[in-house]
Protein backbone atom coordinates (compact mmCIF):
# COMPACT_ATOMS: atom_id res chain seq x y z
CA MET A 1 -12.46 -33.17 25.95
CA SER A 2 -9.89 -31.78 23.66
CA THR A 3 -6.92 -29.56 24.47
CA LEU A 4 -6.24 -26.45 22.82
CA PRO A 5 -3.07 -25.78 21.18
CA THR A 6 -0.45 -23.71 23.64
CA SER A 7 2.02 -22.83 20.93
CA LEU A 8 2.39 -21.08 17.75
CA THR A 9 5.22 -20.73 15.21
CA ILE A 10 4.98 -17.74 12.96
CA ILE A 11 6.92 -17.76 9.35
CA GLY A 12 7.59 -13.75 8.69
CA ALA A 13 8.14 -10.94 10.59
CA GLY A 14 6.19 -7.89 8.68
CA PRO A 15 3.46 -6.40 9.53
CA GLY A 16 1.22 -9.61 9.43
CA GLY A 17 3.43 -11.88 10.91
CA TYR A 18 4.89 -9.49 14.11
CA VAL A 19 1.22 -8.04 14.65
CA ALA A 20 0.30 -12.01 14.69
CA ALA A 21 2.77 -12.77 17.13
CA PHE A 22 2.13 -10.08 19.29
CA ARG A 23 -1.17 -10.69 19.45
CA ALA A 24 -1.07 -14.62 20.12
CA ALA A 25 1.33 -14.07 23.08
CA ASP A 26 -0.80 -11.34 24.84
CA LEU A 27 -3.36 -14.40 24.34
CA GLY A 28 -1.11 -16.74 26.48
CA LEU A 29 0.33 -18.70 23.57
CA LYS A 30 3.97 -19.63 23.25
CA VAL A 31 5.18 -17.73 20.13
CA THR A 32 8.10 -18.39 17.87
CA LEU A 33 8.89 -15.69 15.16
CA ILE A 34 11.10 -16.66 12.03
CA ASP A 35 12.29 -14.17 9.67
CA GLU A 36 15.05 -14.30 7.21
CA SER A 37 16.24 -10.47 7.90
CA PRO A 38 17.93 -9.75 11.47
CA SER A 39 15.31 -6.67 11.36
CA LEU A 40 11.69 -7.17 12.51
CA GLY A 41 9.13 -5.13 10.68
CA GLY A 42 9.41 -6.76 7.29
CA VAL A 43 9.49 -5.00 3.95
CA CYS A 44 6.85 -2.50 5.06
CA LEU A 45 8.88 -1.45 8.01
CA ASN A 46 12.29 -1.83 6.38
CA ARG A 47 12.13 -1.45 2.72
CA GLY A 48 8.55 0.12 1.84
CA CYS A 49 5.86 1.92 3.42
CA ILE A 50 7.69 3.78 6.00
CA PRO A 51 11.14 4.89 4.00
CA SER A 52 8.68 5.68 1.16
CA LYS A 53 6.46 7.80 3.55
CA ALA A 54 9.62 9.42 5.02
CA LEU A 55 10.72 10.50 1.56
CA LEU A 56 7.24 11.49 0.31
CA HIS A 57 7.37 13.64 3.60
CA ALA A 58 10.76 15.50 2.00
CA ALA A 59 9.24 15.63 -1.23
CA HIS A 60 6.33 17.41 0.37
CA LEU A 61 8.35 19.99 2.22
CA MET A 62 10.22 20.99 -1.23
CA THR A 63 7.29 21.43 -3.07
CA ASN A 64 5.39 23.33 -0.65
CA SER A 65 8.52 25.79 -0.39
CA THR A 66 8.11 26.15 -3.52
CA GLU A 67 4.50 26.84 -4.03
CA ALA A 68 4.68 28.81 -1.06
CA LYS A 69 5.54 31.91 -3.40
CA ALA A 70 1.79 32.25 -4.45
CA ILE A 71 1.10 33.34 -1.12
CA GLY A 72 3.82 35.97 -0.84
CA LEU A 73 6.24 33.56 0.93
CA ASP A 74 9.77 33.33 -1.12
CA PHE A 75 11.88 30.73 -0.24
CA ALA A 76 15.39 29.86 -1.34
CA ALA A 77 15.87 26.90 -3.50
CA PRO A 78 16.45 24.04 -1.13
CA HIS A 79 19.79 22.53 -0.59
CA ILE A 80 19.79 18.55 -0.52
CA ASP A 81 21.95 16.95 1.65
CA LEU A 82 21.50 13.46 0.08
CA GLU A 83 23.51 11.65 2.75
CA LYS A 84 21.83 13.24 5.80
CA LEU A 85 18.22 12.74 4.18
CA ARG A 86 19.24 8.93 3.55
CA GLY A 87 20.78 8.63 7.43
CA TRP A 88 17.40 10.46 8.65
CA LYS A 89 15.50 7.71 6.66
CA ASN A 90 17.35 5.01 7.99
CA ASP A 91 17.36 6.29 11.49
CA ILE A 92 13.36 6.45 11.44
CA ILE A 93 13.61 2.68 10.11
CA LYS A 94 16.17 1.81 12.85
CA LYS A 95 14.04 3.31 15.71
CA LEU A 96 10.65 1.55 14.29
CA SER A 97 12.27 -1.77 14.09
CA GLY A 98 14.29 -1.87 17.25
CA GLY A 99 10.79 -0.64 18.94
CA VAL A 100 9.10 -3.96 17.32
CA ALA A 101 12.46 -5.85 18.71
CA GLN A 102 11.64 -4.42 22.49
CA LEU A 103 7.93 -5.28 22.03
CA ALA A 104 8.71 -8.98 21.25
CA LYS A 105 11.16 -9.08 23.84
CA ALA A 106 8.88 -8.21 26.36
CA ARG A 107 6.35 -10.68 25.17
CA LYS A 108 8.75 -13.39 25.58
CA ILE A 109 8.38 -14.25 22.11
CA THR A 110 11.31 -16.50 20.63
CA CYS A 111 12.87 -14.63 17.65
CA LEU A 112 15.16 -16.57 14.91
CA HIS A 113 16.99 -15.40 11.98
CA GLY A 114 17.09 -17.87 9.06
CA LYS A 115 14.84 -19.27 6.55
CA ALA A 116 12.07 -21.55 7.21
CA ARG A 117 10.84 -24.57 5.51
CA LEU A 118 8.32 -26.72 6.14
CA LEU A 119 8.96 -30.56 6.14
CA ASN A 120 5.28 -31.57 6.83
CA ASN A 121 2.41 -30.39 8.99
CA THR A 122 4.32 -30.31 12.17
CA THR A 123 7.72 -30.00 11.49
CA LEU A 124 10.18 -27.23 9.94
CA GLN A 125 13.70 -26.83 9.41
CA VAL A 126 15.48 -23.03 9.73
CA THR A 127 18.62 -22.45 7.47
CA LYS A 128 20.53 -19.85 9.66
CA PRO A 129 22.90 -17.42 7.82
CA ASP A 130 25.98 -19.30 8.61
CA GLY A 131 24.45 -22.48 7.14
CA ALA A 132 23.32 -24.18 10.14
CA VAL A 133 20.30 -26.13 10.01
CA GLU A 134 17.89 -26.42 13.06
CA SER A 135 14.61 -28.59 13.30
CA LEU A 136 11.38 -27.27 14.96
CA SER A 137 8.28 -29.05 15.85
CA PHE A 138 5.01 -27.08 15.90
CA GLU A 139 1.48 -27.26 17.18
CA GLN A 140 0.28 -24.30 15.12
CA ALA A 141 1.80 -22.25 12.45
CA LEU A 142 1.31 -19.31 10.55
CA ILE A 143 2.75 -18.17 7.38
CA ALA A 144 3.26 -14.54 6.64
CA THR A 145 5.98 -14.15 4.05
CA GLY A 146 4.86 -11.41 2.04
CA SER A 147 5.77 -10.59 -1.46
CA ARG A 148 8.55 -9.08 -3.96
CA PRO A 149 8.66 -6.84 -6.84
CA VAL A 150 7.82 -8.82 -10.15
CA GLU A 151 11.26 -8.66 -12.23
CA LEU A 152 11.19 -8.13 -16.17
CA PRO A 153 13.32 -10.93 -17.78
CA PHE A 154 14.35 -8.87 -20.99
CA LEU A 155 16.01 -6.20 -18.96
CA PRO A 156 19.54 -6.08 -18.82
CA LYS A 157 21.56 -7.14 -15.43
CA SER A 158 22.94 -3.56 -14.53
CA SER A 159 22.98 -1.21 -11.23
CA ARG A 160 21.13 1.27 -13.54
CA ILE A 161 18.03 -0.97 -13.21
CA TRP A 162 16.29 -0.72 -9.83
CA ASP A 163 13.41 -2.27 -8.21
CA SER A 164 11.67 -0.35 -5.01
CA THR A 165 14.06 -1.33 -2.53
CA ASP A 166 16.86 -0.04 -4.70
CA ALA A 167 15.08 3.35 -5.32
CA LEU A 168 14.60 3.65 -1.58
CA ASP A 169 18.22 3.35 -0.58
CA LEU A 170 18.47 6.66 -2.07
CA SER A 171 22.39 6.20 -3.56
CA HIS A 172 21.89 8.92 -5.81
CA VAL A 173 19.51 11.34 -7.72
CA PRO A 174 19.64 10.07 -11.67
CA PRO A 175 19.20 13.11 -14.17
CA THR A 176 16.46 11.12 -15.83
CA LEU A 177 14.27 8.33 -14.68
CA LEU A 178 11.96 5.97 -16.25
CA ILE A 179 9.28 4.29 -14.30
CA ILE A 180 7.83 1.17 -16.04
CA GLY A 181 4.95 0.46 -13.96
CA GLY A 182 1.93 3.47 -13.01
CA GLY A 183 0.79 1.82 -10.03
CA TYR A 184 0.86 3.38 -6.36
CA ILE A 185 4.46 2.36 -5.99
CA GLY A 186 6.06 3.92 -8.95
CA LEU A 187 3.93 7.02 -8.77
CA GLU A 188 4.66 7.50 -5.00
CA LEU A 189 8.79 6.90 -5.80
CA GLY A 190 8.18 9.15 -9.27
CA THR A 191 7.15 11.61 -6.67
CA VAL A 192 10.22 11.56 -4.47
CA TYR A 193 12.79 11.56 -7.34
CA ALA A 194 10.80 14.17 -9.06
CA ALA A 195 10.98 16.62 -6.19
CA LEU A 196 14.76 15.65 -5.78
CA GLY A 197 15.50 16.79 -9.37
CA SER A 198 15.19 13.77 -11.70
CA LYS A 199 13.03 14.16 -14.93
CA VAL A 200 10.77 11.51 -14.10
CA SER A 201 8.87 9.62 -17.05
CA VAL A 202 5.86 7.04 -16.36
CA VAL A 203 5.35 3.94 -18.69
CA GLU A 204 2.13 2.10 -18.17
CA ALA A 205 0.58 -0.97 -20.08
CA LEU A 206 -2.72 -0.05 -19.16
CA PRO A 207 -4.88 2.87 -20.72
CA ALA A 208 -4.76 5.10 -17.45
CA LEU A 209 -3.05 5.41 -14.35
CA MET A 210 -4.36 4.12 -10.96
CA SER A 211 -7.51 2.38 -12.87
CA SER A 212 -8.56 0.89 -9.61
CA ALA A 213 -9.97 4.30 -8.67
CA ASP A 214 -12.95 6.40 -9.92
CA LYS A 215 -11.71 8.11 -13.04
CA ASP A 216 -12.86 11.69 -12.04
CA LEU A 217 -11.12 11.42 -8.81
CA ALA A 218 -7.91 9.87 -10.39
CA ASP A 219 -7.79 12.58 -13.05
CA ILE A 220 -7.46 15.36 -10.44
CA VAL A 221 -4.18 13.61 -9.14
CA ILE A 222 -3.15 12.86 -12.95
CA ARG A 223 -3.76 16.46 -13.52
CA ARG A 224 -0.81 17.39 -11.26
CA LEU A 225 1.22 14.48 -12.04
CA LYS A 226 1.52 15.66 -15.43
CA LYS A 227 3.52 19.15 -14.50
CA THR A 228 5.29 17.10 -11.69
CA PHE A 229 6.97 14.47 -14.35
CA SER A 230 8.45 14.74 -17.91
CA ALA A 231 6.18 12.44 -19.54
CA ILE A 232 3.16 9.80 -18.81
CA MET A 233 2.84 7.40 -21.64
CA CYS A 234 -0.17 5.15 -21.08
CA ALA A 235 -1.15 2.10 -23.32
CA THR A 236 2.28 1.69 -23.93
CA ARG A 237 4.91 -1.02 -23.08
CA VAL A 238 8.72 -1.15 -23.09
CA THR A 239 9.43 -4.20 -25.31
CA ALA A 240 13.58 -4.23 -25.30
CA ALA A 241 15.98 -2.82 -23.50
CA GLU A 242 19.76 -2.57 -23.67
CA GLU A 243 22.69 -0.80 -21.57
CA THR A 244 24.92 1.95 -23.65
CA SER A 245 27.74 4.23 -22.49
CA ASP A 246 24.40 6.95 -21.29
CA GLY A 247 22.53 4.62 -19.59
CA ILE A 248 19.74 2.08 -20.80
CA ARG A 249 18.20 2.69 -24.04
CA VAL A 250 14.44 1.42 -24.19
CA THR A 251 12.12 0.25 -26.92
CA LEU A 252 8.62 1.90 -26.42
CA LYS A 253 5.76 0.22 -28.24
CA ASP A 254 2.41 2.31 -28.23
CA GLU A 255 -1.17 0.97 -28.69
CA LYS A 256 -0.97 1.50 -32.35
CA GLY A 257 1.98 -0.33 -32.76
CA ALA A 258 4.18 2.55 -33.30
CA GLU A 259 7.85 2.25 -31.50
CA ARG A 260 10.41 4.52 -30.75
CA GLN A 261 13.77 4.69 -28.68
CA GLU A 262 14.31 6.78 -25.67
CA THR A 263 17.57 6.57 -23.55
CA TYR A 264 17.09 6.99 -19.31
CA SER A 265 20.10 7.22 -16.79
CA GLN A 266 18.01 5.19 -14.70
CA ILE A 267 15.21 2.99 -14.86
CA LEU A 268 12.82 1.98 -11.83
CA VAL A 269 10.48 -1.43 -12.61
CA SER A 270 7.46 -1.36 -10.59
CA VAL A 271 5.20 -3.60 -12.19
CA GLY A 272 3.92 -5.50 -9.40
CA ARG A 273 4.58 -8.01 -6.74
CA ARG A 274 4.69 -11.66 -6.43
CA PRO A 275 4.21 -13.88 -3.53
CA ASN A 276 6.69 -15.30 -1.32
CA THR A 277 5.27 -18.85 -1.52
CA ASP A 278 7.94 -20.77 -3.29
CA GLY A 279 10.81 -22.16 -1.11
CA LEU A 280 8.29 -22.70 1.73
CA GLY A 281 8.10 -26.47 1.38
CA LEU A 282 4.41 -26.58 0.84
CA GLU A 283 4.77 -29.22 -1.34
CA ASN A 284 5.24 -31.10 1.85
CA THR A 285 2.10 -30.48 3.11
CA ALA A 286 -1.74 -30.56 1.96
CA ILE A 287 -1.76 -26.43 0.90
CA LYS A 288 -2.75 -25.29 -2.16
CA LEU A 289 -1.99 -22.56 -4.32
CA ASP A 290 -4.30 -20.72 -6.78
CA PRO A 291 -3.06 -19.90 -10.13
CA LYS A 292 -1.48 -16.90 -9.02
CA GLY A 293 0.71 -18.60 -6.70
CA LEU A 294 -1.23 -17.47 -3.97
CA ILE A 295 -2.40 -19.60 -0.39
CA THR A 296 -5.94 -20.46 -0.25
CA THR A 297 -7.44 -19.97 3.30
CA ASP A 298 -11.00 -20.22 4.99
CA GLU A 299 -12.44 -17.29 6.85
CA GLN A 300 -10.11 -17.98 9.69
CA ARG A 301 -7.23 -17.70 7.64
CA ARG A 302 -6.58 -21.28 7.96
CA THR A 303 -5.10 -23.36 4.80
CA GLN A 304 -5.88 -26.91 3.94
CA GLU A 305 -3.56 -28.17 6.89
CA LYS A 306 -6.02 -26.26 9.90
CA ASN A 307 -3.42 -26.25 11.91
CA ILE A 308 -1.47 -23.86 9.57
CA PHE A 309 -2.73 -20.48 8.99
CA ALA A 310 -1.65 -18.03 6.14
CA ILE A 311 -2.43 -14.37 6.04
CA GLY A 312 -0.75 -11.06 3.82
CA ASP A 313 0.38 -11.15 0.49
CA VAL A 314 0.91 -14.86 0.17
CA THR A 315 -3.20 -14.72 0.64
CA THR A 316 -5.93 -13.19 -2.11
CA GLY A 317 -6.62 -9.63 -1.72
CA PRO A 318 -4.96 -6.36 -1.98
CA MET A 319 -1.27 -6.45 -1.26
CA LEU A 320 -1.60 -3.70 1.99
CA ALA A 321 -0.04 -3.68 5.34
CA HIS A 322 -3.15 -2.95 7.06
CA LYS A 323 -4.70 -5.71 5.36
CA ALA A 324 -2.28 -8.24 6.42
CA SER A 325 -2.07 -6.65 10.19
CA HIS A 326 -6.31 -7.59 10.52
CA GLU A 327 -5.85 -11.03 9.25
CA ALA A 328 -2.98 -11.33 11.95
CA LYS A 329 -5.43 -10.61 14.41
CA VAL A 330 -8.05 -13.13 13.13
CA ALA A 331 -5.74 -15.73 12.69
CA ALA A 332 -4.15 -15.42 16.04
CA ASP A 333 -7.52 -15.44 17.70
CA ALA A 334 -8.38 -18.23 15.75
CA ALA A 335 -5.07 -20.10 17.09
CA ALA A 336 -6.09 -19.32 20.52
CA GLY A 337 -9.44 -20.60 20.22
CA TYR A 338 -11.47 -17.90 19.59
CA ALA A 339 -14.43 -17.65 16.86
CA ALA A 340 -12.60 -14.97 15.09
CA SER A 341 -13.35 -14.64 11.23
CA TYR A 342 -12.01 -12.40 8.42
CA THR A 343 -15.09 -10.74 7.13
CA PRO A 344 -14.20 -7.01 6.26
CA LYS A 345 -16.70 -4.66 4.57
CA CYS A 346 -13.97 -2.85 3.03
CA ILE A 347 -10.38 -2.47 3.23
CA ALA A 348 -9.00 1.62 2.48
CA CYS A 349 -6.79 2.26 -0.17
CA VAL A 350 -4.26 5.11 -0.14
CA VAL A 351 -2.08 6.47 -2.90
CA PHE A 352 0.69 8.79 -1.38
CA THR A 353 1.09 10.84 -4.16
CA ASP A 354 0.68 14.61 -4.24
CA PRO A 355 -2.42 15.19 -3.79
CA GLU A 356 -3.28 11.62 -2.36
CA LEU A 357 -5.91 9.53 -3.51
CA ALA A 358 -8.07 7.28 -1.35
CA TRP A 359 -11.00 5.04 -1.23
CA CYS A 360 -13.00 2.45 0.20
CA GLY A 361 -15.88 0.29 -0.42
CA LEU A 362 -17.63 0.66 -3.77
CA THR A 363 -16.24 2.86 -6.29
CA GLU A 364 -18.50 4.32 -8.73
CA GLN A 365 -17.22 2.53 -11.70
CA GLU A 366 -17.43 -0.80 -10.03
CA ALA A 367 -21.25 -0.29 -9.13
CA ARG A 368 -22.14 0.90 -12.41
CA SER A 369 -20.35 -2.03 -14.13
CA GLN A 370 -22.26 -4.21 -12.04
CA GLY A 371 -25.75 -2.61 -12.39
CA ILE A 372 -25.88 -1.76 -8.80
CA ASN A 373 -28.54 1.14 -8.22
CA ILE A 374 -26.68 4.10 -6.49
CA VAL A 375 -27.00 7.20 -5.69
CA VAL A 376 -23.52 9.84 -6.03
CA SER A 377 -22.83 13.00 -4.36
CA LYS A 378 -19.14 14.74 -5.26
CA PHE A 379 -18.24 17.86 -3.10
CA PRO A 380 -15.27 19.91 -5.00
CA TRP A 381 -12.58 21.22 -2.71
CA ALA A 382 -12.98 24.59 -4.60
CA ALA A 383 -15.98 25.44 -2.42
CA SER A 384 -13.81 24.24 0.79
CA GLY A 385 -12.69 27.00 3.10
CA ARG A 386 -10.10 25.00 4.72
CA ALA A 387 -8.75 23.40 1.37
CA ILE A 388 -8.59 27.56 0.35
CA THR A 389 -6.49 28.40 3.22
CA LEU A 390 -4.14 25.42 2.63
CA ASN A 391 -4.02 26.78 -1.13
CA ARG A 392 -5.01 23.19 -2.18
CA ILE A 393 -8.38 23.05 -3.91
CA ASP A 394 -6.91 20.49 -6.31
CA GLY A 395 -9.24 17.94 -4.38
CA ALA A 396 -12.89 16.18 -4.31
CA THR A 397 -14.72 13.77 -1.91
CA LYS A 398 -17.38 11.45 -3.16
CA ILE A 399 -19.82 9.61 -1.27
CA ILE A 400 -21.78 6.65 -2.96
CA ALA A 401 -24.95 5.30 -1.19
CA ASP A 402 -27.78 2.75 -1.57
CA PRO A 403 -30.98 5.01 -2.74
CA LYS A 404 -33.50 2.56 -0.61
CA SER A 405 -31.72 2.04 2.87
CA GLY A 406 -29.10 4.91 2.68
CA ARG A 407 -26.27 3.11 3.50
CA ILE A 408 -22.90 4.42 2.56
CA LEU A 409 -21.64 1.84 0.09
CA GLY A 410 -18.21 3.60 -0.74
CA VAL A 411 -16.29 6.44 -0.40
CA GLY A 412 -13.58 8.16 -2.40
CA ILE A 413 -11.16 11.09 -1.71
CA ALA A 414 -8.38 12.79 -3.87
CA GLY A 415 -6.93 15.88 -2.24
CA ILE A 416 -3.79 16.49 0.44
CA HIS A 417 -4.23 14.21 3.42
CA ALA A 418 -6.78 12.02 1.83
CA GLY A 419 -5.13 9.21 3.45
CA GLU A 420 -5.88 10.53 6.91
CA MET A 421 -9.54 11.23 6.21
CA ILE A 422 -10.27 7.77 4.79
CA ALA A 423 -10.50 6.25 8.11
CA GLN A 424 -13.51 7.85 9.04
CA ALA A 425 -15.36 6.64 5.65
CA ALA A 426 -14.00 2.94 6.39
CA LEU A 427 -15.56 3.06 9.95
CA ALA A 428 -18.84 4.30 8.30
CA ILE A 429 -19.22 1.28 5.95
CA GLU A 430 -18.07 -1.07 8.24
CA THR A 431 -20.46 -0.40 10.93
CA GLY A 432 -23.19 0.01 8.21
CA MET A 433 -23.41 4.13 8.59
CA LYS A 434 -26.46 5.73 6.92
CA VAL A 435 -26.09 8.69 4.92
CA ASP A 436 -28.32 10.66 7.61
CA ASP A 437 -26.45 9.13 10.48
CA MET A 438 -23.04 11.01 8.73
CA GLU A 439 -25.15 14.32 7.96
CA GLN A 440 -26.35 14.55 11.55
CA THR A 441 -22.57 14.49 12.65
CA ILE A 442 -21.22 17.79 13.64
CA PHE A 443 -18.00 18.26 12.09
CA ALA A 444 -15.17 20.56 13.47
CA HIS A 445 -14.79 23.81 11.38
CA PRO A 446 -12.54 24.35 9.34
CA THR A 447 -11.45 21.06 8.18
CA LEU A 448 -11.04 19.21 5.19
CA SER A 449 -13.22 16.48 6.60
CA GLU A 450 -16.08 18.72 6.42
CA THR A 451 -16.20 17.72 2.80
CA MET A 452 -17.22 14.65 3.86
CA LEU A 453 -20.11 15.89 5.57
CA GLU A 454 -20.97 18.42 2.37
CA ALA A 455 -20.73 15.46 0.18
CA THR A 456 -23.23 13.60 2.34
CA GLU A 457 -25.27 16.54 2.49
CA GLY A 458 -25.47 16.37 -1.72
CA ILE A 459 -26.98 13.38 -1.51
CA PHE A 460 -30.39 15.34 0.07
CA GLY A 461 -29.65 17.71 -2.83
CA GLN A 462 -28.75 20.74 0.07
CA ALA A 463 -24.76 20.85 -0.06
CA THR A 464 -24.21 24.31 2.09
CA HIS A 465 -21.64 25.87 0.15
CA ILE A 466 -22.16 24.63 -3.59
CA TYR A 467 -25.39 25.13 -5.60
CA LEU A 468 -27.59 22.21 -6.30
CA PRO A 469 -30.17 22.81 -8.77
CA LYS A 470 -33.43 21.19 -8.40
CA LYS A 471 -34.29 18.07 -10.30
């Protein structure tokens, strides 16, 4: 009878790595957690999700104070203490990272600070900040090294060129800011800097922003972003850039081939992220990479080396913290000998702009392009009592269902707090809920969540607060 492994070594302490470490330790495995940073939590906690949401909260407060004039509340223009704002953001990071470290200590997890490299499928070496090298043997290992921003090689080396990490440092508020890339990271940071006083422009190579979401929902967000930003240039590329005494002069080329030059005091590059799979010594193992540099895994997140797992941004699928955390639990369970598998029916996506955009499951445009028969109902927030009391009717909730089985296949929400609402949709899809199950659920009133109920009622042609003509 074979003996199950009793230890697990994890490379990377982000929302994938530390969650796997905690789960494995709770299941009785001896865990070693290795990370290049002395602060646990990875990019998400230290240089991504958490600091960006802190700054977005500040941006939303400033926007709300300005818009309150429409309902009879006139506030003075906010005074921005940039140093204090930066300190508040950094204190949040310190508190959360310290909490993760305390939880690791309580679970008796060994934490090592340094860069790990696999020597084979049972040995790795850790190069510490002082240059010292330590070799470790392991029974099982898990790779959770995350990703990093993609760089544009034609841009000059300059302090005027930011990636997302630089932008979150909040060193200053530039008078003009060009964001290259209209993905969620760029749009969120653009929302922050526009609120702080920058004139923000966005250039996107694709024909539209947020093209992964349904266009009718994305357009709700884009309409407001057009008022927030100075310019949004889709189907346009930056083909050249040079530093001048005034900033960075870029050459913009649109889909028709027309070129023009503009100068910006600061550039934020936000064109995607690449997996951190280089430098790990994977060539010393049987682990395979796909053409995008991602590690291929099975449903238990095992690589070709069955004692080595991989999760998060180094594997296929969306580069999302919550996806990595879920994979972490699957991998830890499998490492402890349980029959776990990664088979989610949906993964929620949220863009934390103002308003927010969230979706999970099948989008309408995906269904139409794949020829899937669906029934769709959309409820406008202009008919929501709660949205009206919040003076934020710029929203909509959409339900996509199978007309035969009645199962909910997808949900999309555009509007404030959409990210807080999407979890109930993910739960509905994951559990195979039908539209009549949702329709029979009593939602609290008045809430934005009721828009989910009203959208579901629309499937039956019976939405209470909008009139649906009989077909």
